[in-house]
Amino acid sequence: MGRFTERDEFGNADIIGVDSMGLQCNLKFDEFNRVTNALNKLAEYEDLEEKLQSVYGKCDDMLQKVVECLERHEGIDIPEPIYKARLLTDGEVDRWEEFKALEEQGKML
């Protein structure tokens, strides 16, 4: 499914295909701010999905799948800040763990 939002020149999210001036006129100031915040949050999620797709290719519900994978591995200590991240298959994780074990034993150069 495509994006529901696009960003204006100020970085705020607008609904694609909807005249936001009509929304502005019919909402109180605080209501409009809440709608703007919700749209900006949706745009952030859409941006994250696009970033994942640029790395891993098109996959429906990629963001949801990544979150579910992280939930299954809740003991993972994620350091701050994160500069690089990759999703690994089970086989790649096994090889990585073997590599780390050999490295800890001093068997890796």
C-alpha atoms as a PDB file:
ATOM      1  CA  MET A   1       0.000   0.000   0.000  1.00  0.00           C
ATOM      2  CA  GLY A   2       1.276   3.466  -0.805  1.00  0.00           C
ATOM      3  CA  ARG A   3       1.778   6.407   1.495  1.00  0.00           C
ATOM      4  CA  PHE A   4      -1.134   8.281   3.021  1.00  0.00           C
ATOM      5  CA  THR A   5       0.988  11.344   3.798  1.00  0.00           C
ATOM      6  CA  GLU A   6       3.427  13.705   2.165  1.00  0.00           C
ATOM      7  CA  ARG A   7       5.511  16.417   3.808  1.00  0.00           C
ATOM      8  CA  ASP A   8       5.091  20.111   3.076  1.00  0.00           C
ATOM      9  CA  GLU A   9       7.910  22.638   2.791  1.00  0.00           C
ATOM     10  CA  PHE A  10       8.022  22.922   6.613  1.00  0.00           C
ATOM     11  CA  GLY A  11       8.293  19.154   7.166  1.00  0.00           C
ATOM     12  CA  ASN A  12       4.711  18.767   8.385  1.00  0.00           C
ATOM     13  CA  ALA A  13       2.649  15.874   7.086  1.00  0.00           C
ATOM     14  CA  ASP A  14      -0.376  16.428   4.872  1.00  0.00           C
ATOM     15  CA  ILE A  15      -2.865  13.790   3.764  1.00  0.00           C
ATOM     16  CA  ILE A  16      -2.327  12.988   0.103  1.00  0.00           C
ATOM     17  CA  GLY A  17      -5.357  14.042  -1.931  1.00  0.00           C
ATOM     18  CA  VAL A  18      -7.042  16.038   0.864  1.00  0.00           C
ATOM     19  CA  ASP A  19      -7.245  19.841   1.012  1.00  0.00           C
ATOM     20  CA  SER A  20      -5.965  20.600   4.505  1.00  0.00           C
ATOM     21  CA  MET A  21      -7.354  24.144   4.415  1.00  0.00           C
ATOM     22  CA  GLY A  22     -10.822  22.637   4.861  1.00  0.00           C
ATOM     23  CA  LEU A  23      -9.598  20.855   7.977  1.00  0.00           C
ATOM     24  CA  GLN A  24      -8.004  23.996   9.377  1.00  0.00           C
ATOM     25  CA  CYS A  25     -11.227  25.993   9.064  1.00  0.00           C
ATOM     26  CA  ASN A  26     -13.408  23.392  10.791  1.00  0.00           C
ATOM     27  CA  LEU A  27     -11.192  22.558  13.774  1.00  0.00           C
ATOM     28  CA  LYS A  28     -10.302  24.465  16.900  1.00  0.00           C
ATOM     29  CA  PHE A  29      -6.620  25.314  17.284  1.00  0.00           C
ATOM     30  CA  ASP A  30      -5.861  22.548  19.810  1.00  0.00           C
ATOM     31  CA  GLU A  31      -7.827  20.002  17.748  1.00  0.00           C
ATOM     32  CA  PHE A  32      -5.910  20.944  14.626  1.00  0.00           C
ATOM     33  CA  ASN A  33      -2.619  20.569  16.522  1.00  0.00           C
ATOM     34  CA  ARG A  34      -3.633  17.048  17.612  1.00  0.00           C
ATOM     35  CA  VAL A  35      -4.506  16.132  14.009  1.00  0.00           C
ATOM     36  CA  THR A  36      -1.174  17.570  12.833  1.00  0.00           C
ATOM     37  CA  ASN A  37       0.713  15.582  15.486  1.00  0.00           C
ATOM     38  CA  ALA A  38      -1.104  12.376  14.479  1.00  0.00           C
ATOM     39  CA  LEU A  39      -0.313  12.962  10.795  1.00  0.00           C
ATOM     40  CA  ASN A  40       3.338  13.661  11.598  1.00  0.00           C
ATOM     41  CA  LYS A  41       3.517  10.410  13.591  1.00  0.00           C
ATOM     42  CA  LEU A  42       1.953   8.484  10.687  1.00  0.00           C
ATOM     43  CA  ALA A  43       4.474  10.086   8.319  1.00  0.00           C
ATOM     44  CA  GLU A  44       7.319   8.948  10.614  1.00  0.00           C
ATOM     45  CA  TYR A  45       6.061   5.346  10.425  1.00  0.00           C
ATOM     46  CA  GLU A  46       5.755   5.603   6.654  1.00  0.00           C
ATOM     47  CA  ASP A  47       9.326   6.946   6.499  1.00  0.00           C
ATOM     48  CA  LEU A  48      10.541   3.975   8.585  1.00  0.00           C
ATOM     49  CA  GLU A  49       8.773   1.529   6.271  1.00  0.00           C
ATOM     50  CA  GLU A  50      10.426   3.171   3.261  1.00  0.00           C
ATOM     51  CA  LYS A  51      13.863   2.958   4.898  1.00  0.00           C
ATOM     52  CA  LEU A  52      13.368  -0.753   5.597  1.00  0.00           C
ATOM     53  CA  GLN A  53      12.232  -1.330   2.013  1.00  0.00           C
ATOM     54  CA  SER A  54      15.280   0.504   0.664  1.00  0.00           C
ATOM     55  CA  VAL A  55      17.524  -1.944   2.555  1.00  0.00           C
ATOM     56  CA  TYR A  56      15.561  -5.212   2.347  1.00  0.00           C
ATOM     57  CA  GLY A  57      13.295  -4.700  -0.659  1.00  0.00           C
ATOM     58  CA  LYS A  58       9.535  -4.602  -0.921  1.00  0.00           C
ATOM     59  CA  CYS A  59       7.817  -6.648   1.765  1.00  0.00           C
ATOM     60  CA  ASP A  60       4.307  -6.062   3.059  1.00  0.00           C
ATOM     61  CA  ASP A  61       4.179  -5.235   6.770  1.00  0.00           C
ATOM     62  CA  MET A  62       7.989  -5.116   7.070  1.00  0.00           C
ATOM     63  CA  LEU A  63       7.913  -2.770  10.071  1.00  0.00           C
ATOM     64  CA  GLN A  64       5.479  -5.052  11.900  1.00  0.00           C
ATOM     65  CA  LYS A  65       7.664  -8.095  11.158  1.00  0.00           C
ATOM     66  CA  VAL A  66      10.761  -6.332  12.502  1.00  0.00           C
ATOM     67  CA  VAL A  67       8.945  -5.362  15.713  1.00  0.00           C
ATOM     68  CA  GLU A  68       7.647  -8.930  16.162  1.00  0.00           C
ATOM     69  CA  CYS A  69      11.188 -10.255  15.707  1.00  0.00           C
ATOM     70  CA  LEU A  70      12.505  -7.845  18.329  1.00  0.00           C
ATOM     71  CA  GLU A  71       9.711  -8.884  20.715  1.00  0.00           C
ATOM     72  CA  ARG A  72      10.794 -12.519  20.422  1.00  0.00           C
ATOM     73  CA  HIS A  73      14.309 -11.478  21.420  1.00  0.00           C
ATOM     74  CA  GLU A  74      13.414  -9.118  24.250  1.00  0.00           C
ATOM     75  CA  GLY A  75      16.703  -9.669  26.084  1.00  0.00           C
ATOM     76  CA  ILE A  76      18.667  -7.838  23.401  1.00  0.00           C
ATOM     77  CA  ASP A  77      20.594  -4.918  24.861  1.00  0.00           C
ATOM     78  CA  ILE A  78      20.436  -2.164  22.245  1.00  0.00           C
ATOM     79  CA  PRO A  79      23.219   0.372  22.844  1.00  0.00           C
ATOM     80  CA  GLU A  80      22.836   4.072  22.185  1.00  0.00           C
ATOM     81  CA  PRO A  81      23.370   5.431  19.604  1.00  0.00           C
ATOM     82  CA  ILE A  82      22.816   2.851  16.879  1.00  0.00           C
ATOM     83  CA  TYR A  83      24.741   3.518  13.691  1.00  0.00           C
ATOM     84  CA  LYS A  84      24.391   0.207  11.858  1.00  0.00           C
ATOM     85  CA  ALA A  85      21.736  -2.484  11.955  1.00  0.00           C
ATOM     86  CA  ARG A  86      21.046  -5.573   9.858  1.00  0.00           C
ATOM     87  CA  LEU A  87      18.451  -8.297  10.011  1.00  0.00           C
ATOM     88  CA  LEU A  88      19.987 -11.774   9.949  1.00  0.00           C
ATOM     89  CA  THR A  89      18.516 -15.128   9.052  1.00  0.00           C
ATOM     90  CA  ASP A  90      18.658 -17.892  11.658  1.00  0.00           C
ATOM     91  CA  GLY A  91      21.623 -19.457   9.844  1.00  0.00           C
ATOM     92  CA  GLU A  92      23.493 -16.166   9.752  1.00  0.00           C
ATOM     93  CA  VAL A  93      22.882 -15.696  13.481  1.00  0.00           C
ATOM     94  CA  ASP A  94      24.291 -19.171  14.146  1.00  0.00           C
ATOM     95  CA  ARG A  95      27.437 -18.358  12.143  1.00  0.00           C
ATOM     96  CA  TRP A  96      27.767 -14.995  13.889  1.00  0.00           C
ATOM     97  CA  GLU A  97      27.512 -16.643  17.319  1.00  0.00           C
ATOM     98  CA  GLU A  98      30.163 -19.200  16.303  1.00  0.00           C
ATOM     99  CA  PHE A  99      32.410 -16.376  15.159  1.00  0.00           C
ATOM    100  CA  LYS A 100      31.954 -14.462  18.421  1.00  0.00           C
ATOM    101  CA  ALA A 101      32.645 -17.598  20.495  1.00  0.00           C
ATOM    102  CA  LEU A 102      35.894 -18.226  18.586  1.00  0.00           C
ATOM    103  CA  GLU A 103      36.854 -14.587  18.962  1.00  0.00           C
ATOM    104  CA  GLU A 104      36.295 -14.734  22.741  1.00  0.00           C
ATOM    105  CA  GLN A 105      38.485 -17.845  22.920  1.00  0.00           C
ATOM    106  CA  GLY A 106      41.255 -15.969  21.118  1.00  0.00           C
ATOM    107  CA  LYS A 107      41.076 -18.249  18.073  1.00  0.00           C
ATOM    108  CA  MET A 108      40.308 -15.438  15.627  1.00  0.00           C
ATOM    109  CA  LEU A 109      42.990 -13.142  14.248  1.00  0.00           C
END
